[in-house]
Amino acid sequence: MSAVKKIAVLTSGGDSQGMNAAVRAVVRSALYRGLEVYGVQRGYQGLLNQDLRPMDLRSVGDIIQRGGTILQTARCKEFMTAEGQQRGADVLREHGIDGLVVIGGDGSYQGANKLSKLGIKTMGLPGTIDNDIPFTDFTIGFDTAVSIVVDAINKLRDTMTSHERSSVVEVMGRHCGDIALYAGLASGAEAIIVPEVPFDIKDISHRMKDNFQKGKRHGIVVVAEGVCSGEDVARNITEHSGIEPRVTVLGHIQRGGSPTHNDRILASQLADYAVQRLQEGDSGKGIGIMKGEFVATDIEKVVTTKKSFNLDLYNLALRLSQ
């Protein structure tokens, strides 16, 4: 496969902390390797609108610490059609762009896969707080999101202890419970409710009541939004135990803020590796890190595989919550 000369980078779907660090690394790695690089504004919608601009070193100065994405992001229904995808490939060719780095989650990867099949050399970078992309241990933004949740739970625990109350914390995660799992384990939650594992609200309620009878004066339950709402969990706990938990829905605050050093480093490493693979002529790959090693997996395989849930970690959290 021939190597690329001019590449573009876009961010798509939900934003995540570390996207700017990834954009920065794509641009600077490409320039270091003698490639031209363009930024696409507003994801696939911007691609169809031909909203592209050349990027240089100064274009990505002072952004590594910033949350969100300087390229912005948008949903694009038109790009979900075959006509829209063909138009996207045509726009890239019209601008002489022969390689594209897509930073985003599952939907973004789906788009990258379609462009790859249309002859555009593509690389996908896993940018999502949900950590739901397979063939990578961690996604860009996940570490920061978990840190935000843990910090919030720490604060809630202070006031819950003062008032001898329990709290239900609803976190993001429609189909993947990793934020709830990692944050729940790290904050010592009594119960973690995730989409991947069946749960018994009666058992959780009775366990909380038993803990209070043994002298415990506060409790934390973390629930992923994809299972049910925090309000539903609290209402059922009250019904089965008489305990009346307070509910906190963290919402989009989990996506904001300055990325942790882990996310900045991960984004930088994955982006540099993606540009390297493009320059070598590779295409149609999802870039990740597994057991400390960088991997490039066929993007078709990535989008058709469900990420496995870390049941060992879940069971550890369960054992330690007693």
C-alpha atoms as a PDB file:
ATOM      1  CA  MET A   1       0.000   0.000   0.000  1.00  0.00           C
ATOM      2  CA  SER A   2       1.274   3.478  -0.856  1.00  0.00           C
ATOM      3  CA  ALA A   3       2.130   5.957   1.865  1.00  0.00           C
ATOM      4  CA  VAL A   4       0.134   9.145   2.424  1.00  0.00           C
ATOM      5  CA  LYS A   5       1.285  12.710   1.721  1.00  0.00           C
ATOM      6  CA  LYS A   6      -1.604  14.767   3.076  1.00  0.00           C
ATOM      7  CA  ILE A   7      -3.837  13.763   5.960  1.00  0.00           C
ATOM      8  CA  ALA A   8      -6.811  15.194   7.858  1.00  0.00           C
ATOM      9  CA  VAL A   9      -8.064  14.793  11.411  1.00  0.00           C
ATOM     10  CA  LEU A  10     -11.581  15.106  12.792  1.00  0.00           C
ATOM     11  CA  THR A  11     -13.383  14.569  16.077  1.00  0.00           C
ATOM     12  CA  SER A  12     -16.857  13.079  15.993  1.00  0.00           C
ATOM     13  CA  GLY A  13     -19.684  12.078  18.315  1.00  0.00           C
ATOM     14  CA  GLY A  14     -19.574  12.870  22.009  1.00  0.00           C
ATOM     15  CA  ASP A  15     -16.547  14.843  23.145  1.00  0.00           C
ATOM     16  CA  SER A  16     -14.089  13.456  25.660  1.00  0.00           C
ATOM     17  CA  GLN A  17     -11.182  14.876  27.631  1.00  0.00           C
ATOM     18  CA  GLY A  18      -7.954  14.263  25.760  1.00  0.00           C
ATOM     19  CA  MET A  19      -9.369  14.821  22.280  1.00  0.00           C
ATOM     20  CA  ASN A  20      -7.369  18.053  22.024  1.00  0.00           C
ATOM     21  CA  ALA A  21      -4.224  16.233  23.109  1.00  0.00           C
ATOM     22  CA  ALA A  22      -4.892  13.693  20.341  1.00  0.00           C
ATOM     23  CA  VAL A  23      -5.483  16.403  17.727  1.00  0.00           C
ATOM     24  CA  ARG A  24      -2.280  18.107  18.802  1.00  0.00           C
ATOM     25  CA  ALA A  25      -0.311  14.887  18.522  1.00  0.00           C
ATOM     26  CA  VAL A  26      -1.764  14.019  15.101  1.00  0.00           C
ATOM     27  CA  VAL A  27      -0.842  17.442  13.735  1.00  0.00           C
ATOM     28  CA  ARG A  28       2.647  17.625  15.201  1.00  0.00           C
ATOM     29  CA  SER A  29       3.482  14.002  14.420  1.00  0.00           C
ATOM     30  CA  ALA A  30       2.357  14.500  10.820  1.00  0.00           C
ATOM     31  CA  LEU A  31       4.386  17.692  10.431  1.00  0.00           C
ATOM     32  CA  TYR A  32       7.433  16.020  11.982  1.00  0.00           C
ATOM     33  CA  ARG A  33       7.131  13.303   9.333  1.00  0.00           C
ATOM     34  CA  GLY A  34       6.885  15.832   6.498  1.00  0.00           C
ATOM     35  CA  LEU A  35       3.155  15.436   5.872  1.00  0.00           C
ATOM     36  CA  GLU A  36       0.579  18.131   5.245  1.00  0.00           C
ATOM     37  CA  VAL A  37      -2.277  18.050   7.714  1.00  0.00           C
ATOM     38  CA  TYR A  38      -5.775  19.516   7.734  1.00  0.00           C
ATOM     39  CA  GLY A  39      -8.342  19.848  10.495  1.00  0.00           C
ATOM     40  CA  VAL A  40     -11.990  19.098   9.760  1.00  0.00           C
ATOM     41  CA  GLN A  41     -14.417  21.237  11.742  1.00  0.00           C
ATOM     42  CA  ARG A  42     -17.552  19.645  13.259  1.00  0.00           C
ATOM     43  CA  GLY A  43     -16.871  16.027  12.395  1.00  0.00           C
ATOM     44  CA  TYR A  44     -18.490  14.331   9.446  1.00  0.00           C
ATOM     45  CA  GLN A  45     -20.921  17.223   9.024  1.00  0.00           C
ATOM     46  CA  GLY A  46     -17.984  19.563   8.504  1.00  0.00           C
ATOM     47  CA  LEU A  47     -16.457  17.101   6.062  1.00  0.00           C
ATOM     48  CA  LEU A  48     -19.589  17.179   3.911  1.00  0.00           C
ATOM     49  CA  ASN A  49     -19.628  20.980   4.182  1.00  0.00           C
ATOM     50  CA  GLN A  50     -15.966  21.069   3.122  1.00  0.00           C
ATOM     51  CA  ASP A  51     -15.099  22.882   6.337  1.00  0.00           C
ATOM     52  CA  LEU A  52     -11.399  22.014   6.301  1.00  0.00           C
ATOM     53  CA  ARG A  53      -8.420  24.168   7.206  1.00  0.00           C
ATOM     54  CA  PRO A  54      -4.660  23.635   7.098  1.00  0.00           C
ATOM     55  CA  MET A  55      -3.040  23.018  10.477  1.00  0.00           C
ATOM     56  CA  ASP A  56       0.437  24.046  11.594  1.00  0.00           C
ATOM     57  CA  LEU A  57       2.362  23.917  14.853  1.00  0.00           C
ATOM     58  CA  ARG A  58       0.681  27.047  16.175  1.00  0.00           C
ATOM     59  CA  SER A  59      -2.783  25.704  15.342  1.00  0.00           C
ATOM     60  CA  VAL A  60      -2.457  23.232  18.197  1.00  0.00           C
ATOM     61  CA  GLY A  61      -0.480  25.334  20.651  1.00  0.00           C
ATOM     62  CA  ASP A  62      -1.779  25.584  24.227  1.00  0.00           C
ATOM     63  CA  ILE A  63      -4.495  22.945  23.823  1.00  0.00           C
ATOM     64  CA  ILE A  64      -3.067  19.805  25.440  1.00  0.00           C
ATOM     65  CA  GLN A  65      -4.583  20.766  28.796  1.00  0.00           C
ATOM     66  CA  ARG A  66      -7.982  21.789  27.460  1.00  0.00           C
ATOM     67  CA  GLY A  67     -11.123  19.666  27.581  1.00  0.00           C
ATOM     68  CA  GLY A  68     -13.569  19.385  24.697  1.00  0.00           C
ATOM     69  CA  THR A  69     -12.285  19.633  21.136  1.00  0.00           C
ATOM     70  CA  ILE A  70     -11.020  22.673  19.247  1.00  0.00           C
ATOM     71  CA  LEU A  71     -12.250  21.016  16.046  1.00  0.00           C
ATOM     72  CA  GLN A  72     -15.734  20.798  17.538  1.00  0.00           C
ATOM     73  CA  THR A  73     -18.079  17.910  16.921  1.00  0.00           C
ATOM     74  CA  ALA A  74     -21.567  17.324  15.559  1.00  0.00           C
ATOM     75  CA  ARG A  75     -23.979  14.537  14.723  1.00  0.00           C
ATOM     76  CA  CYS A  76     -24.518  13.989  10.995  1.00  0.00           C
ATOM     77  CA  LYS A  77     -27.497  11.960   9.787  1.00  0.00           C
ATOM     78  CA  GLU A  78     -26.532  12.509   6.157  1.00  0.00           C
ATOM     79  CA  PHE A  79     -23.248  10.682   6.673  1.00  0.00           C
ATOM     80  CA  MET A  80     -25.161   7.613   7.800  1.00  0.00           C
ATOM     81  CA  THR A  81     -26.338   7.154   4.195  1.00  0.00           C
ATOM     82  CA  ALA A  82     -24.337   5.606   1.375  1.00  0.00           C
ATOM     83  CA  GLU A  83     -24.653   8.849  -0.578  1.00  0.00           C
ATOM     84  CA  GLY A  84     -23.283  10.886   2.310  1.00  0.00           C
ATOM     85  CA  GLN A  85     -20.369   8.518   2.792  1.00  0.00           C
ATOM     86  CA  GLN A  86     -19.487   8.669  -0.905  1.00  0.00           C
ATOM     87  CA  ARG A  87     -19.676  12.451  -0.788  1.00  0.00           C
ATOM     88  CA  GLY A  88     -17.317  12.474   2.186  1.00  0.00           C
ATOM     89  CA  ALA A  89     -14.785  10.356   0.311  1.00  0.00           C
ATOM     90  CA  ASP A  90     -15.129  12.613  -2.740  1.00  0.00           C
ATOM     91  CA  VAL A  91     -14.509  15.757  -0.667  1.00  0.00           C
ATOM     92  CA  LEU A  92     -11.301  14.300   0.741  1.00  0.00           C
ATOM     93  CA  ARG A  93     -10.085  13.379  -2.747  1.00  0.00           C
ATOM     94  CA  GLU A  94     -11.010  16.816  -4.097  1.00  0.00           C
ATOM     95  CA  HIS A  95      -8.725  18.343  -1.479  1.00  0.00           C
ATOM     96  CA  GLY A  96      -5.939  15.885  -2.232  1.00  0.00           C
ATOM     97  CA  ILE A  97      -6.242  14.263   1.177  1.00  0.00           C
ATOM     98  CA  ASP A  98      -5.298  10.596   1.131  1.00  0.00           C
ATOM     99  CA  GLY A  99      -5.401   9.785   4.853  1.00  0.00           C
ATOM    100  CA  LEU A 100      -7.822  10.499   7.704  1.00  0.00           C
ATOM    101  CA  VAL A 101      -7.576  10.123  11.476  1.00  0.00           C
ATOM    102  CA  VAL A 102     -10.979   9.887  13.169  1.00  0.00           C
ATOM    103  CA  ILE A 103     -11.153  10.480  16.919  1.00  0.00           C
ATOM    104  CA  GLY A 104     -14.356   9.293  18.559  1.00  0.00           C
ATOM    105  CA  GLY A 105     -16.479   6.393  19.709  1.00  0.00           C
ATOM    106  CA  ASP A 106     -18.429   3.604  18.049  1.00  0.00           C
ATOM    107  CA  GLY A 107     -20.417   5.782  15.640  1.00  0.00           C
ATOM    108  CA  SER A 108     -17.253   7.589  14.578  1.00  0.00           C
ATOM    109  CA  TYR A 109     -15.557   4.254  13.949  1.00  0.00           C
ATOM    110  CA  GLN A 110     -18.518   3.156  11.831  1.00  0.00           C
ATOM    111  CA  GLY A 111     -17.994   6.200   9.626  1.00  0.00           C
ATOM    112  CA  ALA A 112     -14.261   5.600   9.394  1.00  0.00           C
ATOM    113  CA  ASN A 113     -14.946   2.016   8.367  1.00  0.00           C
ATOM    114  CA  LYS A 114     -17.228   3.173   5.541  1.00  0.00           C
ATOM    115  CA  LEU A 115     -14.619   5.628   4.258  1.00  0.00           C
ATOM    116  CA  SER A 116     -11.974   2.931   4.379  1.00  0.00           C
ATOM    117  CA  LYS A 117     -14.123   0.727   2.150  1.00  0.00           C
ATOM    118  CA  LEU A 118     -14.404   3.640  -0.270  1.00  0.00           C
ATOM    119  CA  GLY A 119     -10.639   3.773  -0.638  1.00  0.00           C
ATOM    120  CA  ILE A 120      -9.708   6.427   1.930  1.00  0.00           C
ATOM    121  CA  LYS A 121      -6.854   5.409   4.220  1.00  0.00           C
ATOM    122  CA  THR A 122      -8.266   5.734   7.738  1.00  0.00           C
ATOM    123  CA  MET A 123      -7.207   5.295  11.337  1.00  0.00           C
ATOM    124  CA  GLY A 124      -9.564   5.357  14.304  1.00  0.00           C
ATOM    125  CA  LEU A 125      -8.557   6.697  17.714  1.00  0.00           C
ATOM    126  CA  PRO A 126     -10.772   5.657  20.665  1.00  0.00           C
ATOM    127  CA  GLY A 127     -12.046   8.969  22.027  1.00  0.00           C
ATOM    128  CA  THR A 128     -14.925   8.338  24.424  1.00  0.00           C
ATOM    129  CA  ILE A 129     -15.367   8.476  28.189  1.00  0.00           C
ATOM    130  CA  ASP A 130     -17.406   5.253  28.162  1.00  0.00           C
ATOM    131  CA  ASN A 131     -14.419   2.932  27.538  1.00  0.00           C
ATOM    132  CA  ASP A 132     -16.650   0.860  25.274  1.00  0.00           C
ATOM    133  CA  ILE A 133     -14.335   0.414  22.276  1.00  0.00           C
ATOM    134  CA  PRO A 134     -12.947  -3.138  21.977  1.00  0.00           C
ATOM    135  CA  PHE A 135      -9.294  -3.981  21.315  1.00  0.00           C
ATOM    136  CA  THR A 136      -8.030  -1.277  23.635  1.00  0.00           C
ATOM    137  CA  ASP A 137      -7.800  -1.491  27.400  1.00  0.00           C
ATOM    138  CA  PHE A 138      -8.630   2.185  27.805  1.00  0.00           C
ATOM    139  CA  THR A 139     -10.143   4.935  25.696  1.00  0.00           C
ATOM    140  CA  ILE A 140      -9.155   8.595  25.617  1.00  0.00           C
ATOM    141  CA  GLY A 141     -11.176  10.434  28.266  1.00  0.00           C
ATOM    142  CA  PHE A 142     -12.085   7.455  30.419  1.00  0.00           C
ATOM    143  CA  ASP A 143      -9.447   8.096  33.083  1.00  0.00           C
ATOM    144  CA  THR A 144     -10.532  11.714  33.474  1.00  0.00           C
ATOM    145  CA  ALA A 145     -14.224  10.834  33.654  1.00  0.00           C
ATOM    146  CA  VAL A 146     -13.589   8.249  36.373  1.00  0.00           C
ATOM    147  CA  SER A 147     -11.500  10.788  38.302  1.00  0.00           C
ATOM    148  CA  ILE A 148     -14.370  13.292  38.132  1.00  0.00           C
ATOM    149  CA  VAL A 149     -16.850  10.718  39.430  1.00  0.00           C
ATOM    150  CA  VAL A 150     -14.543   9.625  42.256  1.00  0.00           C
ATOM    151  CA  ASP A 151     -14.026  13.242  43.282  1.00  0.00           C
ATOM    152  CA  ALA A 152     -17.785  13.809  43.310  1.00  0.00           C
ATOM    153  CA  ILE A 153     -18.375  10.690  45.405  1.00  0.00           C
ATOM    154  CA  ASN A 154     -15.690  11.772  47.870  1.00  0.00           C
ATOM    155  CA  LYS A 155     -17.532  15.054  48.362  1.00  0.00           C
ATOM    156  CA  LEU A 156     -20.893  13.321  48.648  1.00  0.00           C
ATOM    157  CA  ARG A 157     -19.506  10.909  51.214  1.00  0.00           C
ATOM    158  CA  ASP A 158     -18.523  13.833  53.455  1.00  0.00           C
ATOM    159  CA  THR A 159     -22.029  15.245  53.579  1.00  0.00           C
ATOM    160  CA  MET A 160     -23.746  11.845  53.644  1.00  0.00           C
ATOM    161  CA  THR A 161     -21.647  10.872  56.673  1.00  0.00           C
ATOM    162  CA  SER A 162     -22.487  14.135  58.418  1.00  0.00           C
ATOM    163  CA  HIS A 163     -26.204  13.519  57.979  1.00  0.00           C
ATOM    164  CA  GLU A 164     -26.066   9.702  58.282  1.00  0.00           C
ATOM    165  CA  ARG A 165     -27.630   9.219  54.881  1.00  0.00           C
ATOM    166  CA  SER A 166     -27.098   7.161  51.766  1.00  0.00           C
ATOM    167  CA  SER A 167     -26.549   8.390  48.228  1.00  0.00           C
ATOM    168  CA  VAL A 168     -27.310   7.008  44.776  1.00  0.00           C
ATOM    169  CA  VAL A 169     -24.967   8.372  42.125  1.00  0.00           C
ATOM    170  CA  GLU A 170     -26.028   8.036  38.485  1.00  0.00           C
ATOM    171  CA  VAL A 171     -23.135   8.087  36.008  1.00  0.00           C
ATOM    172  CA  MET A 172     -22.815   7.858  32.246  1.00  0.00           C
ATOM    173  CA  GLY A 173     -22.687   4.527  30.463  1.00  0.00           C
ATOM    174  CA  ARG A 174     -25.591   3.463  28.263  1.00  0.00           C
ATOM    175  CA  HIS A 175     -24.222   0.102  27.167  1.00  0.00           C
ATOM    176  CA  CYS A 176     -20.948  -0.097  29.087  1.00  0.00           C
ATOM    177  CA  GLY A 177     -20.666   0.060  32.862  1.00  0.00           C
ATOM    178  CA  ASP A 178     -16.941   0.779  33.109  1.00  0.00           C
ATOM    179  CA  ILE A 179     -17.284   4.277  34.565  1.00  0.00           C
ATOM    180  CA  ALA A 180     -19.574   2.935  37.283  1.00  0.00           C
ATOM    181  CA  LEU A 181     -17.320  -0.076  37.875  1.00  0.00           C
ATOM    182  CA  TYR A 182     -13.991   1.738  38.145  1.00  0.00           C
ATOM    183  CA  ALA A 183     -15.369   4.733  40.039  1.00  0.00           C
ATOM    184  CA  GLY A 184     -17.387   2.501  42.338  1.00  0.00           C
ATOM    185  CA  LEU A 185     -14.405   0.327  43.202  1.00  0.00           C
ATOM    186  CA  ALA A 186     -12.112   3.336  43.662  1.00  0.00           C
ATOM    187  CA  SER A 187     -14.582   5.079  45.988  1.00  0.00           C
ATOM    188  CA  GLY A 188     -15.630   2.069  48.050  1.00  0.00           C
ATOM    189  CA  ALA A 189     -19.258   1.995  46.913  1.00  0.00           C
ATOM    190  CA  GLU A 190     -21.552  -0.522  48.600  1.00  0.00           C
ATOM    191  CA  ALA A 191     -23.189  -1.443  45.308  1.00  0.00           C
ATOM    192  CA  ILE A 192     -22.354  -0.993  41.632  1.00  0.00           C
ATOM    193  CA  ILE A 193     -25.140  -1.415  39.096  1.00  0.00           C
ATOM    194  CA  VAL A 194     -24.020  -1.939  35.491  1.00  0.00           C
ATOM    195  CA  PRO A 195     -25.673  -3.135  32.243  1.00  0.00           C
ATOM    196  CA  GLU A 196     -23.428  -6.194  31.991  1.00  0.00           C
ATOM    197  CA  VAL A 197     -24.411  -7.862  35.288  1.00  0.00           C
ATOM    198  CA  PRO A 198     -27.943  -8.691  36.526  1.00  0.00           C
ATOM    199  CA  PHE A 199     -28.719  -7.145  39.891  1.00  0.00           C
ATOM    200  CA  ASP A 200     -31.221  -7.732  42.681  1.00  0.00           C
ATOM    201  CA  ILE A 201     -32.411  -4.457  44.178  1.00  0.00           C
ATOM    202  CA  LYS A 202     -33.881  -6.329  47.146  1.00  0.00           C
ATOM    203  CA  ASP A 203     -30.486  -7.804  47.953  1.00  0.00           C
ATOM    204  CA  ILE A 204     -28.813  -4.386  47.666  1.00  0.00           C
ATOM    205  CA  SER A 205     -31.491  -2.832  49.875  1.00  0.00           C
ATOM    206  CA  HIS A 206     -31.256  -5.516  52.540  1.00  0.00           C
ATOM    207  CA  ARG A 207     -27.457  -5.307  52.528  1.00  0.00           C
ATOM    208  CA  MET A 208     -27.592  -1.552  53.066  1.00  0.00           C
ATOM    209  CA  LYS A 209     -30.110  -1.955  55.881  1.00  0.00           C
ATOM    210  CA  ASP A 210     -27.981  -4.648  57.508  1.00  0.00           C
ATOM    211  CA  ASN A 211     -24.902  -2.407  57.304  1.00  0.00           C
ATOM    212  CA  PHE A 212     -26.783   0.423  59.006  1.00  0.00           C
ATOM    213  CA  GLN A 213     -27.935  -1.931  61.749  1.00  0.00           C
ATOM    214  CA  LYS A 214     -24.300  -2.907  62.284  1.00  0.00           C
ATOM    215  CA  GLY A 215     -23.350   0.722  62.830  1.00  0.00           C
ATOM    216  CA  LYS A 216     -22.568   2.057  59.370  1.00  0.00           C
ATOM    217  CA  ARG A 217     -23.913   5.572  58.942  1.00  0.00           C
ATOM    218  CA  HIS A 218     -23.690   6.203  55.215  1.00  0.00           C
ATOM    219  CA  GLY A 219     -23.815   4.276  51.956  1.00  0.00           C
ATOM    220  CA  ILE A 220     -23.015   4.855  48.279  1.00  0.00           C
ATOM    221  CA  VAL A 221     -24.660   3.131  45.317  1.00  0.00           C
ATOM    222  CA  VAL A 222     -23.286   3.836  41.815  1.00  0.00           C
ATOM    223  CA  VAL A 223     -25.580   3.123  38.857  1.00  0.00           C
ATOM    224  CA  ALA A 224     -24.830   3.351  35.145  1.00  0.00           C
ATOM    225  CA  GLU A 225     -27.510   5.297  33.276  1.00  0.00           C
ATOM    226  CA  GLY A 226     -28.026   2.429  30.814  1.00  0.00           C
ATOM    227  CA  VAL A 227     -29.536   0.215  33.518  1.00  0.00           C
ATOM    228  CA  CYS A 228     -32.079   2.546  35.077  1.00  0.00           C
ATOM    229  CA  SER A 229     -32.293   5.995  36.588  1.00  0.00           C
ATOM    230  CA  GLY A 230     -30.889   6.898  39.958  1.00  0.00           C
ATOM    231  CA  GLU A 231     -34.377   7.936  41.026  1.00  0.00           C
ATOM    232  CA  ASP A 232     -35.715   4.450  40.271  1.00  0.00           C
ATOM    233  CA  VAL A 233     -32.926   2.852  42.288  1.00  0.00           C
ATOM    234  CA  ALA A 234     -33.504   5.150  45.262  1.00  0.00           C
ATOM    235  CA  ARG A 235     -37.251   4.584  45.194  1.00  0.00           C
ATOM    236  CA  ASN A 236     -36.807   0.806  45.222  1.00  0.00           C
ATOM    237  CA  ILE A 237     -34.258   0.950  48.033  1.00  0.00           C
ATOM    238  CA  THR A 238     -36.722   2.942  50.118  1.00  0.00           C
ATOM    239  CA  GLU A 239     -39.501   0.474  49.343  1.00  0.00           C
ATOM    240  CA  HIS A 240     -37.442  -2.553  50.409  1.00  0.00           C
ATOM    241  CA  SER A 241     -35.456  -1.128  53.324  1.00  0.00           C
ATOM    242  CA  GLY A 242     -36.971   2.115  54.546  1.00  0.00           C
ATOM    243  CA  ILE A 243     -33.703   3.906  53.776  1.00  0.00           C
ATOM    244  CA  GLU A 244     -34.226   7.119  51.795  1.00  0.00           C
ATOM    245  CA  PRO A 245     -31.129   7.761  49.655  1.00  0.00           C
ATOM    246  CA  ARG A 246     -30.420  11.114  48.074  1.00  0.00           C
ATOM    247  CA  VAL A 247     -29.855  11.030  44.299  1.00  0.00           C
ATOM    248  CA  THR A 248     -27.092  12.775  42.390  1.00  0.00           C
ATOM    249  CA  VAL A 249     -27.058  12.679  38.583  1.00  0.00           C
ATOM    250  CA  LEU A 250     -23.604  13.738  37.408  1.00  0.00           C
ATOM    251  CA  GLY A 251     -24.531  14.061  33.736  1.00  0.00           C
ATOM    252  CA  HIS A 252     -22.329  15.867  31.248  1.00  0.00           C
ATOM    253  CA  ILE A 253     -19.962  17.197  33.890  1.00  0.00           C
ATOM    254  CA  GLN A 254     -18.218  13.844  33.387  1.00  0.00           C
ATOM    255  CA  ARG A 255     -17.143  14.926  29.895  1.00  0.00           C
ATOM    256  CA  GLY A 256     -15.681  18.288  30.839  1.00  0.00           C
ATOM    257  CA  GLY A 257     -12.559  19.610  32.453  1.00  0.00           C
ATOM    258  CA  SER A 258      -8.846  19.308  31.898  1.00  0.00           C
ATOM    259  CA  PRO A 259      -7.700  15.767  31.013  1.00  0.00           C
ATOM    260  CA  THR A 260      -5.589  13.835  33.488  1.00  0.00           C
ATOM    261  CA  HIS A 261      -1.944  13.210  32.690  1.00  0.00           C
ATOM    262  CA  ASN A 262      -2.892   9.618  31.840  1.00  0.00           C
ATOM    263  CA  ASP A 263      -5.342  10.750  29.159  1.00  0.00           C
ATOM    264  CA  ARG A 264      -2.909  13.309  27.739  1.00  0.00           C
ATOM    265  CA  ILE A 265      -0.165  10.700  27.442  1.00  0.00           C
ATOM    266  CA  LEU A 266      -2.476   8.009  26.051  1.00  0.00           C
ATOM    267  CA  ALA A 267      -3.893  10.407  23.447  1.00  0.00           C
ATOM    268  CA  SER A 268      -0.417  11.505  22.403  1.00  0.00           C
ATOM    269  CA  GLN A 269       0.913   7.967  22.078  1.00  0.00           C
ATOM    270  CA  LEU A 270      -2.055   6.597  20.158  1.00  0.00           C
ATOM    271  CA  ALA A 271      -2.159   9.579  17.793  1.00  0.00           C
ATOM    272  CA  ASP A 272       1.537   9.326  16.989  1.00  0.00           C
ATOM    273  CA  TYR A 273       1.179   5.604  16.336  1.00  0.00           C
ATOM    274  CA  ALA A 274      -1.808   6.229  14.036  1.00  0.00           C
ATOM    275  CA  VAL A 275       0.151   8.728  11.937  1.00  0.00           C
ATOM    276  CA  GLN A 276       3.081   6.340  11.775  1.00  0.00           C
ATOM    277  CA  ARG A 277       0.841   3.556  10.467  1.00  0.00           C
ATOM    278  CA  LEU A 278      -0.706   5.880   7.884  1.00  0.00           C
ATOM    279  CA  GLN A 279       2.694   6.991   6.666  1.00  0.00           C
ATOM    280  CA  GLU A 280       3.671   3.355   6.275  1.00  0.00           C
ATOM    281  CA  GLY A 281       0.655   2.873   3.997  1.00  0.00           C
ATOM    282  CA  ASP A 282      -1.599   1.053   6.445  1.00  0.00           C
ATOM    283  CA  SER A 283      -5.344   1.710   6.494  1.00  0.00           C
ATOM    284  CA  GLY A 284      -8.657   0.705   8.029  1.00  0.00           C
ATOM    285  CA  LYS A 285      -7.360   0.217  11.548  1.00  0.00           C
ATOM    286  CA  GLY A 286      -8.550   1.030  15.042  1.00  0.00           C
ATOM    287  CA  ILE A 287      -5.628   2.039  17.244  1.00  0.00           C
ATOM    288  CA  GLY A 288      -5.483   0.917  20.869  1.00  0.00           C
ATOM    289  CA  ILE A 289      -3.322  -0.181  23.745  1.00  0.00           C
ATOM    290  CA  MET A 290      -3.551  -3.669  25.247  1.00  0.00           C
ATOM    291  CA  LYS A 291      -1.368  -4.838  28.118  1.00  0.00           C
ATOM    292  CA  GLY A 292       0.970  -1.927  27.507  1.00  0.00           C
ATOM    293  CA  GLU A 293       1.428  -2.624  23.796  1.00  0.00           C
ATOM    294  CA  PHE A 294       0.081  -0.515  20.930  1.00  0.00           C
ATOM    295  CA  VAL A 295      -2.181  -2.452  18.608  1.00  0.00           C
ATOM    296  CA  ALA A 296      -3.821  -1.776  15.253  1.00  0.00           C
ATOM    297  CA  THR A 297      -6.946  -3.878  14.710  1.00  0.00           C
ATOM    298  CA  ASP A 298      -9.001  -4.051  11.516  1.00  0.00           C
ATOM    299  CA  ILE A 299     -11.687  -1.447  12.043  1.00  0.00           C
ATOM    300  CA  GLU A 300     -14.303  -3.818  10.615  1.00  0.00           C
ATOM    301  CA  LYS A 301     -13.489  -6.183  13.473  1.00  0.00           C
ATOM    302  CA  VAL A 302     -13.619  -3.357  16.005  1.00  0.00           C
ATOM    303  CA  VAL A 303     -17.112  -2.209  15.007  1.00  0.00           C
ATOM    304  CA  THR A 304     -18.518  -5.750  14.960  1.00  0.00           C
ATOM    305  CA  THR A 305     -17.116  -6.847  18.329  1.00  0.00           C
ATOM    306  CA  LYS A 306     -18.569  -6.095  21.754  1.00  0.00           C
ATOM    307  CA  LYS A 307     -16.040  -5.146  24.394  1.00  0.00           C
ATOM    308  CA  SER A 308     -15.780  -7.687  27.186  1.00  0.00           C
ATOM    309  CA  PHE A 309     -16.643  -6.653  30.733  1.00  0.00           C
ATOM    310  CA  ASN A 310     -14.073  -7.040  33.503  1.00  0.00           C
ATOM    311  CA  LEU A 311     -16.013  -9.412  35.723  1.00  0.00           C
ATOM    312  CA  ASP A 312     -12.986 -10.045  37.947  1.00  0.00           C
ATOM    313  CA  LEU A 313     -12.874  -6.363  38.842  1.00  0.00           C
ATOM    314  CA  TYR A 314     -16.612  -6.331  39.467  1.00  0.00           C
ATOM    315  CA  ASN A 315     -16.370  -9.334  41.789  1.00  0.00           C
ATOM    316  CA  LEU A 316     -13.487  -7.676  43.639  1.00  0.00           C
ATOM    317  CA  ALA A 317     -15.655  -4.589  44.212  1.00  0.00           C
ATOM    318  CA  LEU A 318     -18.454  -6.859  45.429  1.00  0.00           C
ATOM    319  CA  ARG A 319     -16.178  -8.668  47.913  1.00  0.00           C
ATOM    320  CA  LEU A 320     -14.757  -5.429  49.280  1.00  0.00           C
ATOM    321  CA  SER A 321     -18.177  -3.807  49.711  1.00  0.00           C
ATOM    322  CA  GLN A 322     -19.251  -6.190  52.474  1.00  0.00           C
END
